[in-house]
Each structure stands twice: as C-alpha cells, then as structure tokens.
N, C-alpha and C. Protein backbone atom coordinates (compact mmCIF):
# COMPACT_ATOMS: atom_id res chain seq x y z
N MET A 1 -141.80 -70.57 -61.40
CA MET A 1 -141.71 -71.98 -60.68
C MET A 1 -142.31 -72.91 -61.50
N LEU A 2 -142.44 -74.02 -62.22
CA LEU A 2 -143.23 -74.88 -63.32
C LEU A 2 -143.66 -76.07 -62.17
N ARG A 3 -145.17 -76.40 -62.06
CA ARG A 3 -145.96 -77.17 -60.73
C ARG A 3 -146.25 -78.07 -61.61
N SER A 4 -146.39 -79.30 -61.06
CA SER A 4 -147.54 -80.41 -61.93
C SER A 4 -148.04 -80.84 -60.81
N THR A 5 -149.30 -81.62 -61.87
CA THR A 5 -150.08 -82.44 -60.88
C THR A 5 -149.00 -83.79 -60.24
N PRO A 6 -149.48 -83.93 -58.50
CA PRO A 6 -148.98 -85.29 -58.23
C PRO A 6 -149.22 -86.13 -58.66
N ALA A 7 -150.18 -86.62 -59.58
CA ALA A 7 -150.81 -87.97 -60.38
C ALA A 7 -150.94 -87.77 -61.60
N PRO A 8 -149.75 -87.84 -62.50
CA PRO A 8 -149.39 -87.75 -63.78
C PRO A 8 -150.64 -89.08 -64.63
N ILE A 9 -151.17 -88.00 -65.67
CA ILE A 9 -152.24 -88.73 -66.51
C ILE A 9 -151.17 -89.50 -67.33
N LEU A 10 -151.75 -90.81 -67.94
CA LEU A 10 -150.64 -91.03 -68.73
C LEU A 10 -151.48 -90.99 -69.94
N VAL A 11 -150.92 -90.97 -71.19
CA VAL A 11 -151.22 -90.40 -72.86
C VAL A 11 -150.54 -91.84 -72.99
N PRO A 12 -151.54 -92.62 -74.26
CA PRO A 12 -151.11 -93.18 -75.09
C PRO A 12 -150.17 -93.30 -76.16
N GLU A 13 -150.25 -91.78 -76.92
CA GLU A 13 -149.22 -91.32 -77.68
C GLU A 13 -148.84 -90.17 -77.33
N ALA A 14 -147.49 -90.27 -76.86
CA ALA A 14 -147.13 -88.96 -76.24
C ALA A 14 -146.25 -88.33 -77.25
N THR A 15 -145.84 -88.87 -78.49
CA THR A 15 -145.28 -88.65 -79.74
C THR A 15 -146.02 -88.40 -80.90
N GLU A 16 -147.37 -87.96 -80.31
CA GLU A 16 -148.52 -87.12 -81.20
C GLU A 16 -148.07 -85.78 -81.31
N SER A 17 -148.51 -85.30 -82.65
CA SER A 17 -148.17 -84.03 -83.12
C SER A 17 -149.27 -83.55 -81.92
N LEU A 18 -149.17 -81.92 -81.73
CA LEU A 18 -149.69 -80.97 -80.32
C LEU A 18 -150.30 -80.06 -81.39
N LYS A 19 -152.08 -80.58 -80.60
CA LYS A 19 -152.78 -80.08 -81.52
C LYS A 19 -153.32 -78.73 -80.83
N LEU A 20 -153.53 -77.77 -81.53
CA LEU A 20 -154.12 -77.02 -80.56
C LEU A 20 -155.26 -75.76 -81.46
N LEU A 21 -155.96 -75.54 -80.85
CA LEU A 21 -157.55 -74.42 -81.65
C LEU A 21 -157.10 -73.08 -80.50
N LEU A 22 -156.90 -71.80 -81.35
CA LEU A 22 -156.91 -70.83 -80.72
C LEU A 22 -158.22 -70.14 -80.49
N ASP A 23 -158.19 -69.57 -79.62
CA ASP A 23 -159.69 -68.62 -79.21
C ASP A 23 -159.62 -67.36 -80.17
N GLU A 24 -160.60 -66.98 -80.21
CA GLU A 24 -160.79 -65.52 -80.76
C GLU A 24 -160.16 -64.54 -80.22
N ASN A 25 -159.98 -64.83 -79.06
CA ASN A 25 -158.90 -63.43 -78.30
C ASN A 25 -157.39 -63.46 -78.75
N LEU A 26 -157.58 -64.01 -79.49
CA LEU A 26 -155.54 -64.55 -80.29
C LEU A 26 -155.66 -64.03 -81.31
N SER A 27 -154.54 -63.40 -81.87
CA SER A 27 -154.47 -63.05 -83.39
C SER A 27 -154.21 -64.41 -84.07
N PRO A 28 -155.22 -64.54 -85.46
CA PRO A 28 -155.37 -65.67 -86.16
C PRO A 28 -154.09 -66.34 -86.88
N ASN A 29 -153.30 -64.90 -86.97
CA ASN A 29 -151.97 -65.08 -87.65
C ASN A 29 -150.82 -66.06 -86.66
N ILE A 30 -151.13 -65.74 -85.67
CA ILE A 30 -150.47 -66.75 -84.70
C ILE A 30 -150.42 -68.25 -85.03
N ALA A 31 -151.88 -68.64 -84.82
CA ALA A 31 -151.63 -70.51 -86.14
C ALA A 31 -151.03 -70.54 -86.84
N GLN A 32 -151.02 -69.76 -88.04
CA GLN A 32 -150.12 -69.77 -89.44
C GLN A 32 -148.91 -69.86 -88.89
N THR A 33 -148.61 -68.86 -88.29
CA THR A 33 -146.86 -69.08 -87.54
C THR A 33 -146.81 -70.45 -87.07
N LEU A 34 -147.16 -70.62 -86.16
CA LEU A 34 -146.97 -71.99 -85.23
C LEU A 34 -146.69 -73.21 -86.06
N CYS A 35 -147.58 -72.83 -87.63
CA CYS A 35 -147.33 -74.16 -88.68
C CYS A 35 -146.23 -74.10 -89.48
N GLU A 36 -146.06 -72.95 -89.47
CA GLU A 36 -144.73 -72.36 -90.58
C GLU A 36 -143.69 -72.75 -89.91
N GLU A 37 -143.42 -72.44 -88.48
CA GLU A 37 -142.51 -72.83 -87.99
C GLU A 37 -142.10 -74.61 -87.08
N ASP A 38 -143.30 -75.39 -87.91
CA ASP A 38 -143.24 -76.92 -87.21
C ASP A 38 -143.40 -76.93 -86.03
N LEU A 39 -143.82 -76.12 -85.18
CA LEU A 39 -144.05 -76.11 -83.83
C LEU A 39 -145.16 -77.25 -83.42
N VAL A 40 -146.63 -76.88 -84.04
CA VAL A 40 -147.88 -77.26 -83.44
C VAL A 40 -148.82 -77.44 -84.69
N ASP A 41 -149.60 -78.48 -85.02
CA ASP A 41 -150.86 -78.24 -85.43
C ASP A 41 -151.50 -77.18 -85.02
N ALA A 42 -151.59 -76.02 -85.34
CA ALA A 42 -152.36 -74.97 -84.78
C ALA A 42 -153.74 -74.12 -85.90
N VAL A 43 -154.58 -74.13 -85.22
CA VAL A 43 -155.66 -73.32 -86.21
C VAL A 43 -156.36 -72.27 -85.48
N SER A 44 -156.90 -71.11 -85.93
CA SER A 44 -157.33 -70.46 -85.27
C SER A 44 -159.02 -70.27 -85.30
N ILE A 45 -159.83 -70.39 -84.47
CA ILE A 45 -161.35 -70.01 -84.73
C ILE A 45 -161.60 -69.13 -85.69
N ARG A 46 -160.92 -67.54 -86.06
CA ARG A 46 -161.06 -66.89 -86.66
C ARG A 46 -161.37 -67.07 -88.30
N ASN A 47 -160.22 -67.97 -88.44
CA ASN A 47 -159.40 -68.56 -89.87
C ASN A 47 -160.39 -69.08 -89.84
N ARG A 48 -161.17 -70.20 -89.39
CA ARG A 48 -162.11 -70.97 -89.63
C ARG A 48 -163.55 -70.63 -89.83
N GLY A 49 -164.10 -69.51 -89.41
CA GLY A 49 -165.27 -68.77 -89.93
C GLY A 49 -166.06 -68.95 -88.67
N HIS A 50 -165.65 -69.01 -87.21
CA HIS A 50 -166.49 -69.28 -86.57
C HIS A 50 -166.30 -68.24 -85.21
N CYS A 51 -165.76 -66.91 -86.14
CA CYS A 51 -166.12 -66.09 -85.09
C CYS A 51 -167.12 -65.57 -84.43
N GLY A 52 -167.34 -65.18 -83.42
CA GLY A 52 -168.80 -64.79 -82.58
C GLY A 52 -169.11 -65.96 -81.97
N ARG A 53 -168.62 -67.53 -82.01
CA ARG A 53 -169.28 -68.11 -81.41
C ARG A 53 -169.26 -68.32 -79.65
N SER A 54 -170.14 -68.66 -79.20
CA SER A 54 -170.18 -68.93 -77.89
C SER A 54 -169.03 -69.61 -77.40
N ASP A 55 -168.27 -69.08 -76.35
CA ASP A 55 -167.84 -70.18 -75.53
C ASP A 55 -167.90 -71.59 -75.39
N ARG A 56 -169.08 -71.90 -75.36
CA ARG A 56 -169.34 -73.09 -75.77
C ARG A 56 -168.95 -74.39 -76.47
N GLU A 57 -169.67 -73.63 -77.91
CA GLU A 57 -169.35 -73.68 -79.08
C GLU A 57 -167.78 -74.42 -79.16
N VAL A 58 -166.98 -73.15 -78.93
CA VAL A 58 -165.67 -73.13 -79.36
C VAL A 58 -165.16 -74.43 -78.85
N TRP A 59 -165.31 -74.72 -77.06
CA TRP A 59 -165.11 -75.59 -76.24
C TRP A 59 -165.55 -77.12 -77.05
N ALA A 60 -166.69 -77.02 -77.14
CA ALA A 60 -167.13 -78.30 -78.20
C ALA A 60 -166.24 -78.68 -79.39
N LEU A 61 -166.09 -77.46 -79.98
CA LEU A 61 -165.17 -77.79 -81.37
C LEU A 61 -163.59 -78.16 -80.67
N ALA A 62 -162.77 -77.84 -80.14
CA ALA A 62 -161.87 -77.97 -79.50
C ALA A 62 -161.82 -79.81 -79.20
N TYR A 63 -163.00 -79.86 -78.37
CA TYR A 63 -163.00 -81.32 -77.66
C TYR A 63 -163.37 -82.34 -79.26
N LYS A 64 -163.89 -81.96 -79.99
CA LYS A 64 -163.90 -82.67 -81.25
C LYS A 64 -163.11 -82.86 -81.82
N GLU A 65 -162.31 -81.71 -82.23
CA GLU A 65 -161.63 -82.00 -83.19
C GLU A 65 -159.76 -82.63 -82.21
N ASP A 66 -159.92 -82.70 -81.10
CA ASP A 66 -158.88 -83.27 -79.95
C ASP A 66 -157.97 -82.31 -80.02
N ARG A 67 -158.09 -81.16 -79.46
CA ARG A 67 -157.02 -80.14 -79.57
C ARG A 67 -157.07 -79.55 -78.24
N ILE A 68 -156.46 -79.13 -77.87
CA ILE A 68 -156.21 -78.31 -76.49
C ILE A 68 -156.26 -76.67 -77.55
N LEU A 69 -157.29 -76.50 -76.15
CA LEU A 69 -157.67 -74.65 -76.15
C LEU A 69 -156.58 -74.12 -75.96
N VAL A 70 -156.41 -72.98 -76.66
CA VAL A 70 -155.46 -71.77 -75.98
C VAL A 70 -156.23 -70.22 -76.19
N THR A 71 -156.35 -70.16 -75.04
CA THR A 71 -156.97 -68.94 -74.80
C THR A 71 -156.56 -67.98 -73.60
N ALA A 72 -157.06 -66.62 -73.66
CA ALA A 72 -156.61 -65.43 -72.43
C ALA A 72 -158.46 -65.57 -71.95
N ASN A 73 -158.93 -65.98 -72.15
CA ASN A 73 -160.03 -66.02 -71.28
C ASN A 73 -160.55 -66.87 -70.34
N VAL A 74 -159.70 -66.26 -69.31
CA VAL A 74 -159.31 -67.59 -68.10
C VAL A 74 -160.82 -67.64 -67.69
N LYS A 75 -161.41 -66.82 -67.21
CA LYS A 75 -162.42 -67.17 -66.04
C LYS A 75 -163.40 -67.91 -66.72
N ASP A 76 -163.78 -67.82 -67.74
CA ASP A 76 -164.88 -68.21 -68.37
C ASP A 76 -164.53 -70.01 -68.80
N PHE A 77 -163.24 -69.74 -69.06
CA PHE A 77 -162.93 -71.30 -70.24
C PHE A 77 -162.49 -72.16 -68.85
N GLU A 78 -161.65 -71.79 -67.53
CA GLU A 78 -162.22 -72.36 -66.19
C GLU A 78 -163.09 -72.93 -66.12
N ALA A 79 -164.65 -72.11 -65.82
CA ALA A 79 -165.72 -72.65 -65.60
C ALA A 79 -166.35 -73.94 -66.19
N ILE A 80 -165.57 -73.66 -67.52
CA ILE A 80 -166.54 -74.59 -68.78
C ILE A 80 -165.73 -76.28 -68.64
N ALA A 81 -164.66 -75.93 -68.06
CA ALA A 81 -163.57 -76.90 -67.66
C ALA A 81 -164.30 -77.86 -66.47
N ARG A 82 -164.50 -76.53 -66.12
CA ARG A 82 -165.01 -77.62 -64.30
C ARG A 82 -166.34 -78.40 -64.37
N ALA A 83 -167.04 -77.73 -65.26
CA ALA A 83 -168.80 -78.17 -65.36
C ALA A 83 -168.84 -79.79 -66.25
N SER A 84 -167.23 -80.02 -67.30
CA SER A 84 -167.36 -80.81 -68.26
C SER A 84 -167.04 -82.54 -67.47
N GLU A 85 -166.76 -83.54 -67.80
CA GLU A 85 -166.75 -84.63 -67.57
C GLU A 85 -164.99 -85.25 -67.95
N VAL A 86 -164.93 -84.49 -69.00
CA VAL A 86 -163.40 -84.61 -69.51
C VAL A 86 -163.08 -83.86 -70.79
N HIS A 87 -162.21 -83.02 -70.52
CA HIS A 87 -161.46 -82.60 -71.81
C HIS A 87 -160.03 -82.41 -72.03
N GLY A 88 -159.72 -81.82 -73.35
CA GLY A 88 -158.67 -82.14 -74.08
C GLY A 88 -157.83 -81.40 -73.39
N GLY A 89 -157.60 -80.46 -72.38
CA GLY A 89 -156.44 -79.47 -71.84
C GLY A 89 -156.89 -78.07 -72.45
N LEU A 90 -155.81 -77.37 -71.78
CA LEU A 90 -156.26 -75.72 -71.76
C LEU A 90 -154.45 -74.98 -71.86
N ILE A 91 -154.05 -74.24 -72.73
CA ILE A 91 -153.41 -73.36 -72.16
C ILE A 91 -154.07 -71.72 -72.04
N LEU A 92 -153.52 -71.22 -70.87
CA LEU A 92 -154.32 -70.35 -70.28
C LEU A 92 -153.40 -69.40 -70.00
N LEU A 93 -153.69 -67.86 -71.40
CA LEU A 93 -152.59 -67.01 -71.21
C LEU A 93 -153.25 -65.95 -69.91
N LEU A 94 -152.43 -65.53 -69.17
CA LEU A 94 -153.41 -65.05 -68.17
C LEU A 94 -153.23 -63.48 -68.24
N ASP A 95 -152.37 -63.01 -69.10
CA ASP A 95 -152.12 -61.47 -69.61
C ASP A 95 -153.35 -61.60 -71.05
N ALA A 96 -154.25 -60.81 -70.87
CA ALA A 96 -155.24 -60.89 -72.05
C ALA A 96 -155.04 -59.86 -72.81
N ASP A 97 -154.34 -58.82 -72.34
CA ASP A 97 -154.07 -57.57 -73.04
C ASP A 97 -152.57 -57.59 -74.16
N LEU A 98 -152.10 -58.77 -74.26
CA LEU A 98 -151.00 -59.22 -75.17
C LEU A 98 -151.01 -58.05 -76.13
N ARG A 99 -149.72 -57.74 -76.90
CA ARG A 99 -149.83 -57.97 -78.36
C ARG A 99 -149.42 -59.25 -79.21
N ARG A 100 -149.91 -58.87 -80.49
CA ARG A 100 -149.45 -60.16 -81.22
C ARG A 100 -148.04 -60.32 -80.79
N SER A 101 -147.47 -59.89 -81.20
CA SER A 101 -145.94 -60.56 -80.98
C SER A 101 -145.54 -60.75 -79.31
N GLU A 102 -146.37 -60.45 -78.42
CA GLU A 102 -146.02 -61.00 -77.35
C GLU A 102 -146.76 -62.55 -76.98
N GLN A 103 -148.20 -62.44 -77.42
CA GLN A 103 -148.69 -63.99 -77.83
C GLN A 103 -148.24 -65.20 -78.01
N LEU A 104 -147.76 -64.64 -79.20
CA LEU A 104 -146.84 -65.78 -80.14
C LEU A 104 -145.63 -65.95 -79.54
N GLU A 105 -144.90 -65.21 -78.95
CA GLU A 105 -143.49 -65.61 -77.86
C GLU A 105 -144.60 -66.31 -76.90
N SER A 106 -145.30 -65.95 -76.14
CA SER A 106 -145.81 -66.60 -75.27
C SER A 106 -145.95 -68.31 -75.17
N LEU A 107 -147.15 -68.20 -76.32
CA LEU A 107 -146.94 -69.77 -77.02
C LEU A 107 -145.63 -70.40 -77.42
N ARG A 108 -144.83 -69.58 -77.60
CA ARG A 108 -143.57 -70.28 -78.15
C ARG A 108 -142.61 -70.79 -77.02
N MET A 109 -142.80 -70.12 -76.06
CA MET A 109 -142.58 -70.75 -74.26
C MET A 109 -143.50 -71.99 -73.92
N ALA A 110 -144.41 -71.59 -74.20
CA ALA A 110 -146.05 -72.17 -73.45
C ALA A 110 -145.39 -74.46 -74.41
N ILE A 111 -144.97 -73.86 -75.42
CA ILE A 111 -145.69 -75.21 -76.51
C ILE A 111 -144.36 -76.10 -75.81
N PRO A 112 -143.36 -75.46 -75.79
CA PRO A 112 -142.43 -76.87 -75.30
C PRO A 112 -142.89 -76.90 -73.64
N LEU A 113 -143.23 -76.73 -72.87
CA LEU A 113 -143.45 -76.87 -71.66
C LEU A 113 -144.66 -78.17 -71.52
N VAL A 114 -145.66 -78.16 -72.73
CA VAL A 114 -146.76 -78.97 -72.46
C VAL A 114 -146.03 -80.32 -73.73
N GLN A 115 -145.04 -80.13 -74.64
CA GLN A 115 -144.18 -81.18 -75.07
C GLN A 115 -143.33 -81.82 -74.02
N ARG A 116 -143.11 -81.33 -73.20
CA ARG A 116 -142.26 -82.18 -71.85
C ARG A 116 -143.15 -82.71 -71.24
N GLU A 117 -144.21 -82.02 -71.06
CA GLU A 117 -145.00 -83.36 -69.80
C GLU A 117 -145.84 -84.17 -70.62
N LEU A 118 -146.07 -84.01 -72.36
CA LEU A 118 -146.21 -85.18 -72.83
C LEU A 118 -145.35 -86.50 -72.91
N ALA A 119 -143.90 -86.06 -73.41
CA ALA A 119 -142.99 -86.76 -73.32
C ALA A 119 -142.72 -87.62 -71.94
N GLU A 120 -143.34 -86.83 -70.70
CA GLU A 120 -142.76 -87.92 -69.66
C GLU A 120 -143.70 -88.95 -69.11
N GLY A 121 -145.08 -88.54 -70.03
CA GLY A 121 -145.92 -89.53 -69.67
C GLY A 121 -147.43 -88.73 -69.07
N ARG A 122 -147.02 -87.41 -69.12
CA ARG A 122 -148.09 -86.81 -68.60
C ARG A 122 -149.02 -86.08 -69.43
N GLY A 123 -150.42 -86.25 -69.58
CA GLY A 123 -151.11 -85.77 -71.24
C GLY A 123 -151.61 -84.54 -70.34
N MET A 124 -152.87 -83.80 -71.18
CA MET A 124 -153.29 -82.48 -71.14
C MET A 124 -155.01 -83.06 -70.81
N ILE A 125 -155.26 -84.08 -70.38
CA ILE A 125 -156.32 -84.52 -70.12
C ILE A 125 -156.90 -83.75 -69.06
N ASN A 126 -158.08 -83.01 -68.93
CA ASN A 126 -158.24 -82.09 -67.72
C ASN A 126 -157.45 -81.62 -67.05
N ARG A 127 -156.69 -80.91 -67.96
CA ARG A 127 -155.26 -80.25 -67.14
C ARG A 127 -154.87 -78.96 -68.06
N ALA A 128 -154.46 -78.02 -67.33
CA ALA A 128 -154.22 -76.57 -67.55
C ALA A 128 -152.84 -75.89 -67.27
N LEU A 129 -152.35 -75.51 -68.55
CA LEU A 129 -151.05 -74.65 -68.50
C LEU A 129 -151.50 -72.91 -68.08
N TYR A 130 -151.73 -72.87 -66.82
CA TYR A 130 -151.56 -71.62 -66.58
C TYR A 130 -149.90 -70.60 -67.17
N PHE A 131 -150.06 -69.66 -68.14
CA PHE A 131 -148.93 -68.95 -68.43
C PHE A 131 -148.74 -67.91 -68.21
N GLY A 132 -148.06 -67.04 -67.66
CA GLY A 132 -147.98 -65.38 -67.68
C GLY A 132 -146.85 -65.12 -68.06
N TRP A 133 -146.84 -64.22 -69.23
CA TRP A 133 -145.77 -63.25 -70.06
C TRP A 133 -145.40 -62.33 -69.08
N ARG A 134 -146.04 -61.66 -68.32
CA ARG A 134 -145.31 -60.55 -67.47
C ARG A 134 -145.01 -61.56 -66.31
N SER A 135 -145.97 -62.00 -65.65
CA SER A 135 -145.31 -62.48 -63.94
C SER A 135 -144.92 -63.60 -64.10
N GLY A 136 -144.38 -64.32 -64.92
CA GLY A 136 -143.47 -65.43 -65.56
C GLY A 136 -144.04 -66.56 -64.68
N VAL A 137 -145.01 -66.93 -64.52
CA VAL A 137 -146.04 -67.73 -63.55
C VAL A 137 -146.09 -68.78 -65.04
N GLN A 138 -145.74 -70.24 -64.45
CA GLN A 138 -146.06 -71.15 -65.29
C GLN A 138 -146.10 -72.26 -64.74
N TYR A 139 -147.26 -72.65 -64.85
CA TYR A 139 -147.79 -73.80 -64.08
C TYR A 139 -148.89 -74.90 -64.31
N PHE A 140 -148.77 -75.94 -64.16
CA PHE A 140 -149.87 -76.94 -64.66
C PHE A 140 -150.96 -76.71 -63.58
N TRP A 141 -151.85 -77.27 -64.44
CA TRP A 141 -153.32 -77.45 -62.82
C TRP A 141 -154.16 -78.44 -63.56
N GLU A 142 -154.39 -79.46 -62.90
CA GLU A 142 -155.74 -80.43 -62.94
C GLU A 142 -157.14 -79.89 -62.98
N ILE A 143 -158.00 -79.39 -63.83
CA ILE A 143 -159.15 -79.03 -63.67
C ILE A 143 -160.02 -79.75 -63.99
N PRO A 144 -160.64 -80.69 -62.77
CA PRO A 144 -161.50 -81.95 -62.81
C PRO A 144 -162.63 -81.00 -62.73
N ARG A 145 -163.96 -81.87 -63.28
CA ARG A 145 -165.18 -81.37 -62.77
C ARG A 145 -165.40 -81.26 -61.56
N GLU A 146 -166.30 -80.32 -61.26
CA GLU A 146 -166.89 -80.26 -60.25
C GLU A 146 -168.41 -81.17 -60.08
N GLN A 147 -168.25 -82.01 -58.55
CA GLN A 147 -169.23 -82.56 -58.60
C GLN A 147 -170.44 -81.99 -57.71
N ALA A 148 -171.57 -82.68 -58.01
CA ALA A 148 -172.61 -81.72 -57.64
C ALA A 148 -173.09 -82.21 -56.10
N ILE A 149 -173.38 -81.55 -55.19
CA ILE A 149 -173.41 -81.85 -53.57
C ILE A 149 -174.04 -82.86 -53.80
N ASP A 150 -174.85 -83.23 -54.44
CA ASP A 150 -175.90 -84.29 -54.23
C ASP A 150 -174.90 -86.10 -54.77
N GLU A 151 -173.99 -85.66 -55.41
CA GLU A 151 -172.79 -86.76 -55.64
C GLU A 151 -172.03 -87.12 -54.54
N PHE A 152 -172.02 -86.75 -53.38
CA PHE A 152 -171.81 -86.98 -52.24
C PHE A 152 -172.51 -87.71 -51.10
N ALA A 153 -173.89 -87.30 -51.12
CA ALA A 153 -174.51 -88.03 -50.35
C ALA A 153 -174.40 -89.48 -50.49
C-alpha cells in the first residue's frame, strides 16, 4: 500500500529530471543502467571516487548536487535526515542484501512512484520513499528535523 504525507510539499518544477545519488552499498553499474535507459540522472558514489566517505559526507554531496539519496543504509540515513533542517529526499531500500539485479529492479519500480509524486505536486524535500523488494512495502513518509527539547520551552 502506498501512503503519502497528508500535507503535500509543493515543488516549483515537477517536470525537472529526477536526480539520484546512489550510496556505496548499491552497485555502481545501476546508475549507468538507469541513465542509459533514460529513467533518471543517476550517479554512484563509487564511480565518482568517493568510496569510503562518511555517511555525512555522502549526505552533504547529495544536498550540494540537489540529488535524492538512494541507500540501503536505512537506520543511519534516517538519523542524519532527522538531524538536518532540510534535505532533498531519500529512497530507502529496506532490503540491504539484494543482488544487483534486484537492486536495479527495485529502482525501476521506485522511480515511477517518485515521478508520480512530483507530477502530483508533492516533492521529495524532507521526505523518503521506503521500498521493500521482498515485502512489497512502498510508502512515502516525511522525515522532518527533530526539534531539541529546549525549542519547545
């Protein structure tokens, strides 16, 4: 079942090309294949010589390049997203042990979901698509910045 946040986040250009940054836990060949199939503008951390960078460095690169980060490192990147005031979005693959062909097929299925959100005026800013290949789980969820306790005082 596909769930979406109740209050859509509007984006100025829903027709812009979808730009993805694939974390190093995904095969770098996937980025090339997605580009060759004209599905998205995708790049891989591994193909750019950034292998071994910290999660925060990968996060900063995705933000700097205005890319949606694709990763199977759900726990760590959820925490980073919650600590960030704003982020460009995440595609979180819930199955960390997928073969390359399954990773690729997961993204081939996830990309149209994100494109539909954009076309309907819901951007990926501060949102994540949780995608489970084996479970069939597919839902969007807002990941806002966690507020410090003293901000409520």
